[in-house]
Amino acid sequence: MKRRTSVLGIVLVLVLFASGAYVAVRLMLGSPPSIAVGGRIAVLPISGVIESEREFVSRLEHYADDGSVRGFLMEIRSPGGGAAASQAIYQALRDFRAEDDRPVVAWIGAVGASGGYYAALPADSILALPSSITGSIGVIMKLPNAGELLRRWGVEVEVIKSGESKELGSMSRSLTDNERQVLQTLIDDTYGQFVDAVAESRPLSRDSVTTLADGRVYSGSRAVSAGLIDGTGTREDALAVAGRMAGLGDEPRTVRPAKRSLTFWEWLLESRGPRWLERLGLPVGAPDGLQANLRYEWQ
């Protein structure tokens, strides 16, 4: 009896040692081990204005390394944001799906327009509420002109520059005709990339997409008719679709990123600051306001 107990004790010690070594190796590699039993759907939220792709890509990479994750659900509640950031999310998800056969379903909440819609394009299926706001396929750039105000207060701006276009987008004066053409070319090029992405991702010809892509918004139900999304439904309906595609049934278990609390300075500078600057019509997110935006706004 004592010999059997000793053997069981040795086996238990070896198991614990092996488990500890496994955890240590995974932590050193930057991939915390999953102890979940069975499969799960990883939820990837995109909320608010899209200013950077880093958080989304980091979460995607983290769950891609999790063996318990059998599929993904994108929860999109975003009016869009920076063109580059939205495109980076689209490209990261597109590259992931080219190498991984786990299903990705996108669900649009109250709004998933412009850059928010762009981010959803690589998904296997896109759903929205019947009254969701989506579409808004287009690009916009706003440049405030405070020249008259500065002159009224006797403020002069002296500029020393290396080239004709280096002061492009200055708030102290109006655009020249040449500068306006330079920026229009930039917007047209970015718009063309957006249209190409829709045409490649949806069952639509490029001409059909161009007809739809004049900046207008669509309700979820109209977007289905237009071919921009695949169906309407609640978040639970989208989760059920992801579950069935992953072989987990209609009510799969989920895992989602833990919410991180903002510090006071992050809240003040990253949240409140940009909102107030935008309300004042001042540029946010790029020097001199030179940022192409894929963003739906109530005008």
C-alpha atoms as a PDB file:
ATOM      1  CA  MET A   1       0.000   0.000   0.000  1.00  0.00           C
ATOM      2  CA  LYS A   2       2.848   2.366   0.930  1.00  0.00           C
ATOM      3  CA  ARG A   3       4.643   1.528  -2.327  1.00  0.00           C
ATOM      4  CA  ARG A   4       1.534   2.327  -4.371  1.00  0.00           C
ATOM      5  CA  THR A   5       1.099   5.629  -2.516  1.00  0.00           C
ATOM      6  CA  SER A   6       4.722   6.533  -3.214  1.00  0.00           C
ATOM      7  CA  VAL A   7       4.330   5.774  -6.911  1.00  0.00           C
ATOM      8  CA  LEU A   8       1.166   7.915  -7.100  1.00  0.00           C
ATOM      9  CA  GLY A   9       2.987  10.719  -5.313  1.00  0.00           C
ATOM     10  CA  ILE A  10       5.883  10.575  -7.762  1.00  0.00           C
ATOM     11  CA  VAL A  11       3.478  10.606 -10.722  1.00  0.00           C
ATOM     12  CA  LEU A  12       1.647  13.592  -9.254  1.00  0.00           C
ATOM     13  CA  VAL A  13       4.908  15.482  -8.758  1.00  0.00           C
ATOM     14  CA  LEU A  14       5.956  14.751 -12.352  1.00  0.00           C
ATOM     15  CA  VAL A  15       2.591  15.923 -13.687  1.00  0.00           C
ATOM     16  CA  LEU A  16       2.785  19.153 -11.676  1.00  0.00           C
ATOM     17  CA  PHE A  17       6.370  19.713 -12.811  1.00  0.00           C
ATOM     18  CA  ALA A  18       5.444  19.175 -16.474  1.00  0.00           C
ATOM     19  CA  SER A  19       2.445  21.493 -16.158  1.00  0.00           C
ATOM     20  CA  GLY A  20       4.578  24.188 -14.550  1.00  0.00           C
ATOM     21  CA  ALA A  21       7.217  23.859 -17.263  1.00  0.00           C
ATOM     22  CA  TYR A  22       4.536  24.142 -19.958  1.00  0.00           C
ATOM     23  CA  VAL A  23       3.077  27.283 -18.390  1.00  0.00           C
ATOM     24  CA  ALA A  24       6.530  28.824 -18.015  1.00  0.00           C
ATOM     25  CA  VAL A  25       7.424  28.183 -21.656  1.00  0.00           C
ATOM     26  CA  ARG A  26       4.141  29.603 -22.934  1.00  0.00           C
ATOM     27  CA  LEU A  27       4.551  32.714 -20.793  1.00  0.00           C
ATOM     28  CA  MET A  28       8.105  33.241 -22.060  1.00  0.00           C
ATOM     29  CA  LEU A  29       6.789  32.984 -25.609  1.00  0.00           C
ATOM     30  CA  GLY A  30       4.152  35.587 -24.813  1.00  0.00           C
ATOM     31  CA  SER A  31       1.182  33.231 -25.185  1.00  0.00           C
ATOM     32  CA  PRO A  32      -0.575  32.498 -21.897  1.00  0.00           C
ATOM     33  CA  PRO A  33      -1.873  28.917 -21.932  1.00  0.00           C
ATOM     34  CA  SER A  34      -5.560  28.236 -22.135  1.00  0.00           C
ATOM     35  CA  ILE A  35      -7.066  25.842 -19.652  1.00  0.00           C
ATOM     36  CA  ALA A  36     -10.502  25.967 -21.237  1.00  0.00           C
ATOM     37  CA  VAL A  37     -12.168  22.666 -21.975  1.00  0.00           C
ATOM     38  CA  GLY A  38     -13.922  22.440 -25.334  1.00  0.00           C
ATOM     39  CA  GLY A  39     -14.223  25.102 -27.990  1.00  0.00           C
ATOM     40  CA  ARG A  40     -15.022  28.791 -27.678  1.00  0.00           C
ATOM     41  CA  ILE A  41     -15.760  31.783 -29.887  1.00  0.00           C
ATOM     42  CA  ALA A  42     -13.414  34.727 -29.346  1.00  0.00           C
ATOM     43  CA  VAL A  43     -15.143  38.107 -29.372  1.00  0.00           C
ATOM     44  CA  LEU A  44     -13.208  40.927 -31.045  1.00  0.00           C
ATOM     45  CA  PRO A  45     -14.851  44.301 -30.308  1.00  0.00           C
ATOM     46  CA  ILE A  46     -14.341  47.422 -32.405  1.00  0.00           C
ATOM     47  CA  SER A  47     -15.907  50.369 -30.597  1.00  0.00           C
ATOM     48  CA  GLY A  48     -15.816  54.098 -31.125  1.00  0.00           C
ATOM     49  CA  VAL A  49     -13.654  56.002 -33.565  1.00  0.00           C
ATOM     50  CA  ILE A  50     -10.934  53.829 -35.126  1.00  0.00           C
ATOM     51  CA  GLU A  51      -7.675  55.655 -34.443  1.00  0.00           C
ATOM     52  CA  SER A  52      -5.251  52.713 -34.361  1.00  0.00           C
ATOM     53  CA  GLU A  53      -5.181  49.065 -35.392  1.00  0.00           C
ATOM     54  CA  ARG A  54      -2.773  47.977 -32.645  1.00  0.00           C
ATOM     55  CA  GLU A  55      -5.298  46.803 -30.077  1.00  0.00           C
ATOM     56  CA  PHE A  56      -7.386  44.814 -32.555  1.00  0.00           C
ATOM     57  CA  VAL A  57      -4.366  43.147 -34.175  1.00  0.00           C
ATOM     58  CA  SER A  58      -2.893  42.285 -30.776  1.00  0.00           C
ATOM     59  CA  ARG A  59      -6.138  40.619 -29.700  1.00  0.00           C
ATOM     60  CA  LEU A  60      -6.458  38.757 -32.976  1.00  0.00           C
ATOM     61  CA  GLU A  61      -2.926  37.403 -32.668  1.00  0.00           C
ATOM     62  CA  HIS A  62      -3.497  36.452 -29.029  1.00  0.00           C
ATOM     63  CA  TYR A  63      -6.645  34.424 -29.737  1.00  0.00           C
ATOM     64  CA  ALA A  64      -5.156  32.953 -32.911  1.00  0.00           C
ATOM     65  CA  ASP A  65      -2.638  31.208 -30.635  1.00  0.00           C
ATOM     66  CA  ASP A  66      -5.367  29.909 -28.318  1.00  0.00           C
ATOM     67  CA  GLY A  67      -6.168  26.300 -29.173  1.00  0.00           C
ATOM     68  CA  SER A  68      -9.564  26.488 -27.497  1.00  0.00           C
ATOM     69  CA  VAL A  69     -10.771  29.218 -29.888  1.00  0.00           C
ATOM     70  CA  ARG A  70     -12.683  27.700 -32.791  1.00  0.00           C
ATOM     71  CA  GLY A  71     -14.018  30.886 -34.354  1.00  0.00           C
ATOM     72  CA  PHE A  72     -14.305  34.658 -34.036  1.00  0.00           C
ATOM     73  CA  LEU A  73     -17.101  37.191 -33.653  1.00  0.00           C
ATOM     74  CA  MET A  74     -16.375  40.827 -34.467  1.00  0.00           C
ATOM     75  CA  GLU A  75     -18.661  43.193 -32.559  1.00  0.00           C
ATOM     76  CA  ILE A  76     -18.594  46.476 -34.454  1.00  0.00           C
ATOM     77  CA  ARG A  77     -20.010  49.652 -32.972  1.00  0.00           C
ATOM     78  CA  SER A  78     -18.014  52.274 -34.828  1.00  0.00           C
ATOM     79  CA  PRO A  79     -18.651  55.186 -37.218  1.00  0.00           C
ATOM     80  CA  GLY A  80     -15.205  54.553 -38.730  1.00  0.00           C
ATOM     81  CA  GLY A  81     -12.041  56.567 -38.305  1.00  0.00           C
ATOM     82  CA  GLY A  82      -8.599  56.961 -39.836  1.00  0.00           C
ATOM     83  CA  ALA A  83      -8.233  55.492 -43.311  1.00  0.00           C
ATOM     84  CA  ALA A  84      -4.897  53.842 -42.560  1.00  0.00           C
ATOM     85  CA  ALA A  85      -6.030  52.328 -39.255  1.00  0.00           C
ATOM     86  CA  SER A  86      -9.245  50.945 -40.766  1.00  0.00           C
ATOM     87  CA  GLN A  87      -7.337  49.523 -43.731  1.00  0.00           C
ATOM     88  CA  ALA A  88      -4.749  47.964 -41.397  1.00  0.00           C
ATOM     89  CA  ILE A  89      -7.494  46.084 -39.522  1.00  0.00           C
ATOM     90  CA  TYR A  90      -8.944  44.920 -42.840  1.00  0.00           C
ATOM     91  CA  GLN A  91      -5.548  43.724 -44.041  1.00  0.00           C
ATOM     92  CA  ALA A  92      -4.663  41.966 -40.772  1.00  0.00           C
ATOM     93  CA  LEU A  93      -7.945  40.071 -40.810  1.00  0.00           C
ATOM     94  CA  ARG A  94      -7.573  39.254 -44.507  1.00  0.00           C
ATOM     95  CA  ASP A  95      -4.065  37.886 -43.965  1.00  0.00           C
ATOM     96  CA  PHE A  96      -5.267  35.845 -40.987  1.00  0.00           C
ATOM     97  CA  ARG A  97      -8.084  34.237 -42.976  1.00  0.00           C
ATOM     98  CA  ALA A  98      -5.687  33.355 -45.787  1.00  0.00           C
ATOM     99  CA  GLU A  99      -3.718  31.175 -43.355  1.00  0.00           C
ATOM    100  CA  ASP A 100      -6.387  30.029 -40.883  1.00  0.00           C
ATOM    101  CA  ASP A 101      -9.665  28.274 -41.680  1.00  0.00           C
ATOM    102  CA  ARG A 102     -11.450  29.200 -38.448  1.00  0.00           C
ATOM    103  CA  PRO A 103     -14.635  31.163 -39.253  1.00  0.00           C
ATOM    104  CA  VAL A 104     -15.011  34.886 -38.667  1.00  0.00           C
ATOM    105  CA  VAL A 105     -18.435  36.506 -38.363  1.00  0.00           C
ATOM    106  CA  ALA A 106     -18.917  40.281 -38.123  1.00  0.00           C
ATOM    107  CA  TRP A 107     -21.895  41.852 -36.392  1.00  0.00           C
ATOM    108  CA  ILE A 108     -22.770  45.551 -36.692  1.00  0.00           C
ATOM    109  CA  GLY A 109     -24.558  47.165 -33.777  1.00  0.00           C
ATOM    110  CA  ALA A 110     -26.095  50.639 -33.882  1.00  0.00           C
ATOM    111  CA  VAL A 111     -23.507  51.828 -36.376  1.00  0.00           C
ATOM    112  CA  GLY A 112     -20.752  50.150 -38.373  1.00  0.00           C
ATOM    113  CA  ALA A 113     -20.136  52.596 -41.160  1.00  0.00           C
ATOM    114  CA  SER A 114     -17.279  53.745 -43.362  1.00  0.00           C
ATOM    115  CA  GLY A 115     -14.067  52.495 -41.690  1.00  0.00           C
ATOM    116  CA  GLY A 116     -16.176  50.294 -39.402  1.00  0.00           C
ATOM    117  CA  TYR A 117     -17.662  48.615 -42.473  1.00  0.00           C
ATOM    118  CA  TYR A 118     -14.210  48.416 -44.100  1.00  0.00           C
ATOM    119  CA  ALA A 119     -12.909  46.450 -41.103  1.00  0.00           C
ATOM    120  CA  ALA A 120     -15.737  43.905 -41.409  1.00  0.00           C
ATOM    121  CA  LEU A 121     -15.184  43.074 -45.086  1.00  0.00           C
ATOM    122  CA  PRO A 122     -12.889  40.007 -44.719  1.00  0.00           C
ATOM    123  CA  ALA A 123     -15.395  38.206 -42.473  1.00  0.00           C
ATOM    124  CA  ASP A 124     -17.081  35.027 -43.724  1.00  0.00           C
ATOM    125  CA  SER A 125     -20.441  36.591 -42.951  1.00  0.00           C
ATOM    126  CA  ILE A 126     -21.577  40.111 -41.999  1.00  0.00           C
ATOM    127  CA  LEU A 127     -24.797  40.656 -40.061  1.00  0.00           C
ATOM    128  CA  ALA A 128     -26.424  43.817 -38.714  1.00  0.00           C
ATOM    129  CA  LEU A 129     -29.600  44.879 -37.013  1.00  0.00           C
ATOM    130  CA  PRO A 130     -32.345  45.862 -39.485  1.00  0.00           C
ATOM    131  CA  SER A 131     -31.990  49.481 -38.321  1.00  0.00           C
ATOM    132  CA  SER A 132     -28.202  49.528 -38.027  1.00  0.00           C
ATOM    133  CA  ILE A 133     -26.401  52.303 -39.903  1.00  0.00           C
ATOM    134  CA  THR A 134     -23.793  50.970 -42.297  1.00  0.00           C
ATOM    135  CA  GLY A 135     -22.292  51.726 -45.683  1.00  0.00           C
ATOM    136  CA  SER A 136     -20.980  55.291 -45.957  1.00  0.00           C
ATOM    137  CA  ILE A 137     -18.313  54.050 -48.372  1.00  0.00           C
ATOM    138  CA  GLY A 138     -16.190  57.098 -48.984  1.00  0.00           C
ATOM    139  CA  VAL A 139     -13.326  59.239 -47.756  1.00  0.00           C
ATOM    140  CA  ILE A 140     -13.360  62.687 -46.194  1.00  0.00           C
ATOM    141  CA  MET A 141     -10.781  65.224 -45.065  1.00  0.00           C
ATOM    142  CA  LYS A 142     -11.586  68.395 -43.135  1.00  0.00           C
ATOM    143  CA  LEU A 143      -9.134  71.278 -42.895  1.00  0.00           C
ATOM    144  CA  PRO A 144     -10.118  74.231 -40.695  1.00  0.00           C
ATOM    145  CA  ASN A 145      -9.202  77.654 -42.018  1.00  0.00           C
ATOM    146  CA  ALA A 146      -8.544  80.141 -39.224  1.00  0.00           C
ATOM    147  CA  GLY A 147      -6.770  82.671 -41.419  1.00  0.00           C
ATOM    148  CA  GLU A 148      -9.406  85.399 -41.077  1.00  0.00           C
ATOM    149  CA  LEU A 149      -9.544  84.956 -37.309  1.00  0.00           C
ATOM    150  CA  LEU A 150      -5.756  85.201 -37.012  1.00  0.00           C
ATOM    151  CA  ARG A 151      -5.660  88.333 -39.136  1.00  0.00           C
ATOM    152  CA  ARG A 152      -8.409  89.898 -37.052  1.00  0.00           C
ATOM    153  CA  TRP A 153      -6.289  89.435 -33.956  1.00  0.00           C
ATOM    154  CA  GLY A 154      -3.166  90.658 -35.650  1.00  0.00           C
ATOM    155  CA  VAL A 155      -1.470  87.245 -35.733  1.00  0.00           C
ATOM    156  CA  GLU A 156       0.892  86.563 -38.602  1.00  0.00           C
ATOM    157  CA  VAL A 157       2.328  83.129 -39.371  1.00  0.00           C
ATOM    158  CA  GLU A 158       5.759  83.078 -40.961  1.00  0.00           C
ATOM    159  CA  VAL A 159       6.687  79.831 -42.705  1.00  0.00           C
ATOM    160  CA  ILE A 160      10.074  78.585 -43.840  1.00  0.00           C
ATOM    161  CA  LYS A 161       9.697  75.430 -45.899  1.00  0.00           C
ATOM    162  CA  SER A 162      11.718  73.097 -48.082  1.00  0.00           C
ATOM    163  CA  GLY A 163       9.137  72.713 -50.825  1.00  0.00           C
ATOM    164  CA  GLU A 164       5.924  74.146 -52.210  1.00  0.00           C
ATOM    165  CA  SER A 165       3.673  71.538 -50.620  1.00  0.00           C
ATOM    166  CA  LYS A 166       5.351  71.257 -47.222  1.00  0.00           C
ATOM    167  CA  GLU A 167       2.842  73.662 -45.659  1.00  0.00           C
ATOM    168  CA  LEU A 168      -0.073  71.796 -47.150  1.00  0.00           C
ATOM    169  CA  GLY A 169      -3.149  72.040 -44.928  1.00  0.00           C
ATOM    170  CA  SER A 170      -2.027  74.984 -42.834  1.00  0.00           C
ATOM    171  CA  MET A 171      -4.762  76.455 -40.651  1.00  0.00           C
ATOM    172  CA  SER A 172      -3.473  79.984 -41.249  1.00  0.00           C
ATOM    173  CA  ARG A 173      -4.699  80.325 -44.847  1.00  0.00           C
ATOM    174  CA  SER A 174      -6.883  78.900 -47.580  1.00  0.00           C
ATOM    175  CA  LEU A 175      -5.719  76.118 -49.883  1.00  0.00           C
ATOM    176  CA  THR A 176      -4.295  77.055 -53.246  1.00  0.00           C
ATOM    177  CA  ASP A 177      -5.774  75.439 -56.349  1.00  0.00           C
ATOM    178  CA  ASN A 178      -2.688  73.231 -56.686  1.00  0.00           C
ATOM    179  CA  GLU A 179      -2.867  72.146 -53.029  1.00  0.00           C
ATOM    180  CA  ARG A 180      -6.541  71.329 -53.387  1.00  0.00           C
ATOM    181  CA  GLN A 181      -5.746  69.129 -56.383  1.00  0.00           C
ATOM    182  CA  VAL A 182      -2.970  67.332 -54.465  1.00  0.00           C
ATOM    183  CA  LEU A 183      -5.355  66.519 -51.631  1.00  0.00           C
ATOM    184  CA  GLN A 184      -8.150  65.530 -54.022  1.00  0.00           C
ATOM    185  CA  THR A 185      -5.772  63.062 -55.679  1.00  0.00           C
ATOM    186  CA  LEU A 186      -4.981  61.606 -52.251  1.00  0.00           C
ATOM    187  CA  ILE A 187      -8.673  61.253 -51.408  1.00  0.00           C
ATOM    188  CA  ASP A 188      -9.472  59.685 -54.792  1.00  0.00           C
ATOM    189  CA  ASP A 189      -6.667  57.146 -54.408  1.00  0.00           C
ATOM    190  CA  THR A 190      -7.779  56.173 -50.886  1.00  0.00           C
ATOM    191  CA  TYR A 191     -11.385  55.961 -52.064  1.00  0.00           C
ATOM    192  CA  GLY A 192     -10.359  53.665 -54.919  1.00  0.00           C
ATOM    193  CA  GLN A 193      -8.651  51.306 -52.476  1.00  0.00           C
ATOM    194  CA  PHE A 194     -11.835  51.216 -50.366  1.00  0.00           C
ATOM    195  CA  VAL A 195     -13.982  50.424 -53.407  1.00  0.00           C
ATOM    196  CA  ASP A 196     -11.553  47.697 -54.513  1.00  0.00           C
ATOM    197  CA  ALA A 197     -11.733  46.092 -51.061  1.00  0.00           C
ATOM    198  CA  VAL A 198     -15.545  46.004 -51.179  1.00  0.00           C
ATOM    199  CA  ALA A 199     -15.556  44.571 -54.709  1.00  0.00           C
ATOM    200  CA  GLU A 200     -13.043  41.867 -53.733  1.00  0.00           C
ATOM    201  CA  SER A 201     -14.888  40.926 -50.540  1.00  0.00           C
ATOM    202  CA  ARG A 202     -18.540  41.109 -51.563  1.00  0.00           C
ATOM    203  CA  PRO A 203     -20.418  39.422 -54.460  1.00  0.00           C
ATOM    204  CA  LEU A 204     -20.518  42.712 -56.359  1.00  0.00           C
ATOM    205  CA  SER A 205     -18.807  44.069 -59.451  1.00  0.00           C
ATOM    206  CA  ARG A 206     -16.633  47.146 -59.078  1.00  0.00           C
ATOM    207  CA  ASP A 207     -19.127  49.175 -61.118  1.00  0.00           C
ATOM    208  CA  SER A 208     -21.919  48.108 -58.756  1.00  0.00           C
ATOM    209  CA  VAL A 209     -19.840  49.071 -55.737  1.00  0.00           C
ATOM    210  CA  THR A 210     -19.028  52.456 -57.267  1.00  0.00           C
ATOM    211  CA  THR A 211     -22.747  53.117 -57.680  1.00  0.00           C
ATOM    212  CA  LEU A 212     -23.324  52.301 -54.016  1.00  0.00           C
ATOM    213  CA  ALA A 213     -20.194  54.061 -52.772  1.00  0.00           C
ATOM    214  CA  ASP A 214     -21.172  57.709 -52.968  1.00  0.00           C
ATOM    215  CA  GLY A 215     -20.941  58.179 -49.215  1.00  0.00           C
ATOM    216  CA  ARG A 216     -24.583  57.381 -48.503  1.00  0.00           C
ATOM    217  CA  VAL A 217     -25.565  55.293 -45.496  1.00  0.00           C
ATOM    218  CA  TYR A 218     -27.819  52.251 -45.522  1.00  0.00           C
ATOM    219  CA  SER A 219     -29.971  50.613 -42.904  1.00  0.00           C
ATOM    220  CA  GLY A 220     -29.115  47.021 -42.162  1.00  0.00           C
ATOM    221  CA  SER A 221     -32.082  45.758 -44.153  1.00  0.00           C
ATOM    222  CA  ARG A 222     -31.238  47.935 -47.168  1.00  0.00           C
ATOM    223  CA  ALA A 223     -27.601  46.862 -46.970  1.00  0.00           C
ATOM    224  CA  VAL A 224     -28.712  43.240 -47.347  1.00  0.00           C
ATOM    225  CA  SER A 225     -30.693  44.112 -50.472  1.00  0.00           C
ATOM    226  CA  ALA A 226     -27.688  45.999 -51.856  1.00  0.00           C
ATOM    227  CA  GLY A 227     -25.364  43.050 -51.223  1.00  0.00           C
ATOM    228  CA  LEU A 228     -23.173  44.928 -48.756  1.00  0.00           C
ATOM    229  CA  ILE A 229     -23.927  42.528 -45.889  1.00  0.00           C
ATOM    230  CA  ASP A 230     -25.296  38.988 -45.653  1.00  0.00           C
ATOM    231  CA  GLY A 231     -28.243  39.245 -43.293  1.00  0.00           C
ATOM    232  CA  THR A 232     -29.912  40.901 -40.347  1.00  0.00           C
ATOM    233  CA  GLY A 233     -30.037  39.718 -36.769  1.00  0.00           C
ATOM    234  CA  THR A 234     -29.084  40.386 -33.193  1.00  0.00           C
ATOM    235  CA  ARG A 235     -25.702  39.861 -31.627  1.00  0.00           C
ATOM    236  CA  GLU A 236     -26.953  36.488 -30.382  1.00  0.00           C
ATOM    237  CA  ASP A 237     -27.971  35.552 -33.931  1.00  0.00           C
ATOM    238  CA  ALA A 238     -24.470  36.401 -35.173  1.00  0.00           C
ATOM    239  CA  LEU A 239     -22.939  34.368 -32.358  1.00  0.00           C
ATOM    240  CA  ALA A 240     -25.131  31.424 -33.311  1.00  0.00           C
ATOM    241  CA  VAL A 241     -23.925  31.699 -36.916  1.00  0.00           C
ATOM    242  CA  ALA A 242     -20.308  31.706 -35.736  1.00  0.00           C
ATOM    243  CA  GLY A 243     -21.034  28.756 -33.440  1.00  0.00           C
ATOM    244  CA  ARG A 244     -22.569  26.667 -36.193  1.00  0.00           C
ATOM    245  CA  MET A 245     -19.752  27.473 -38.601  1.00  0.00           C
ATOM    246  CA  ALA A 246     -17.246  26.422 -35.943  1.00  0.00           C
ATOM    247  CA  GLY A 247     -19.135  23.232 -35.124  1.00  0.00           C
ATOM    248  CA  LEU A 248     -20.047  24.437 -31.628  1.00  0.00           C
ATOM    249  CA  GLY A 249     -23.820  24.743 -32.003  1.00  0.00           C
ATOM    250  CA  ASP A 250     -26.136  27.709 -31.590  1.00  0.00           C
ATOM    251  CA  GLU A 251     -25.002  28.713 -28.089  1.00  0.00           C
ATOM    252  CA  PRO A 252     -21.215  28.483 -28.023  1.00  0.00           C
ATOM    253  CA  ARG A 253     -19.171  29.669 -25.081  1.00  0.00           C
ATOM    254  CA  THR A 254     -17.281  32.889 -25.640  1.00  0.00           C
ATOM    255  CA  VAL A 255     -14.107  34.558 -24.488  1.00  0.00           C
ATOM    256  CA  ARG A 256     -13.531  38.278 -24.789  1.00  0.00           C
ATOM    257  CA  PRO A 257     -10.772  40.726 -23.847  1.00  0.00           C
ATOM    258  CA  ALA A 258     -10.837  42.029 -20.301  1.00  0.00           C
ATOM    259  CA  LYS A 259     -11.701  45.689 -20.046  1.00  0.00           C
ATOM    260  CA  ARG A 260      -8.777  47.872 -19.057  1.00  0.00           C
ATOM    261  CA  SER A 261      -9.506  50.900 -16.913  1.00  0.00           C
ATOM    262  CA  LEU A 262      -8.132  54.193 -18.196  1.00  0.00           C
ATOM    263  CA  THR A 263      -5.940  56.308 -15.987  1.00  0.00           C
ATOM    264  CA  PHE A 264      -7.081  59.865 -15.338  1.00  0.00           C
ATOM    265  CA  TRP A 265      -4.594  61.274 -17.870  1.00  0.00           C
ATOM    266  CA  GLU A 266      -5.571  58.728 -20.529  1.00  0.00           C
ATOM    267  CA  TRP A 267      -9.204  59.642 -20.007  1.00  0.00           C
ATOM    268  CA  LEU A 268      -8.455  63.351 -20.166  1.00  0.00           C
ATOM    269  CA  LEU A 269      -6.049  63.332 -23.102  1.00  0.00           C
ATOM    270  CA  GLU A 270      -7.231  60.381 -25.205  1.00  0.00           C
ATOM    271  CA  SER A 271     -10.963  60.538 -24.619  1.00  0.00           C
ATOM    272  CA  ARG A 272     -12.170  63.981 -23.653  1.00  0.00           C
ATOM    273  CA  GLY A 273      -9.431  65.935 -25.408  1.00  0.00           C
ATOM    274  CA  PRO A 274     -10.089  64.748 -28.982  1.00  0.00           C
ATOM    275  CA  ARG A 275     -13.852  65.068 -28.567  1.00  0.00           C
ATOM    276  CA  TRP A 276     -13.635  68.711 -27.543  1.00  0.00           C
ATOM    277  CA  LEU A 277     -11.096  69.481 -30.270  1.00  0.00           C
ATOM    278  CA  GLU A 278     -13.378  67.911 -32.847  1.00  0.00           C
ATOM    279  CA  ARG A 279     -16.335  69.936 -31.604  1.00  0.00           C
ATOM    280  CA  LEU A 280     -14.262  73.068 -32.099  1.00  0.00           C
ATOM    281  CA  GLY A 281     -13.473  71.941 -35.638  1.00  0.00           C
ATOM    282  CA  LEU A 282      -9.768  71.487 -34.922  1.00  0.00           C
ATOM    283  CA  PRO A 283      -7.739  68.634 -36.427  1.00  0.00           C
ATOM    284  CA  VAL A 284      -7.171  65.506 -34.374  1.00  0.00           C
ATOM    285  CA  GLY A 285      -4.827  62.584 -34.968  1.00  0.00           C
ATOM    286  CA  ALA A 286      -2.330  64.004 -37.463  1.00  0.00           C
ATOM    287  CA  PRO A 287      -0.120  67.076 -37.843  1.00  0.00           C
ATOM    288  CA  ASP A 288      -1.944  69.967 -39.543  1.00  0.00           C
ATOM    289  CA  GLY A 289      -5.074  67.795 -39.796  1.00  0.00           C
ATOM    290  CA  LEU A 290      -3.745  65.911 -42.825  1.00  0.00           C
ATOM    291  CA  GLN A 291      -5.550  62.641 -42.211  1.00  0.00           C
ATOM    292  CA  ALA A 292      -7.906  60.970 -44.633  1.00  0.00           C
ATOM    293  CA  ASN A 293     -10.891  59.676 -42.699  1.00  0.00           C
ATOM    294  CA  LEU A 294     -13.345  56.900 -43.408  1.00  0.00           C
ATOM    295  CA  ARG A 295     -15.949  58.127 -41.007  1.00  0.00           C
ATOM    296  CA  TYR A 296     -19.690  58.576 -40.958  1.00  0.00           C
ATOM    297  CA  GLU A 297     -20.914  61.745 -39.297  1.00  0.00           C
ATOM    298  CA  TRP A 298     -24.319  63.260 -38.718  1.00  0.00           C
ATOM    299  CA  GLN A 299     -24.135  66.545 -40.614  1.00  0.00           C
END
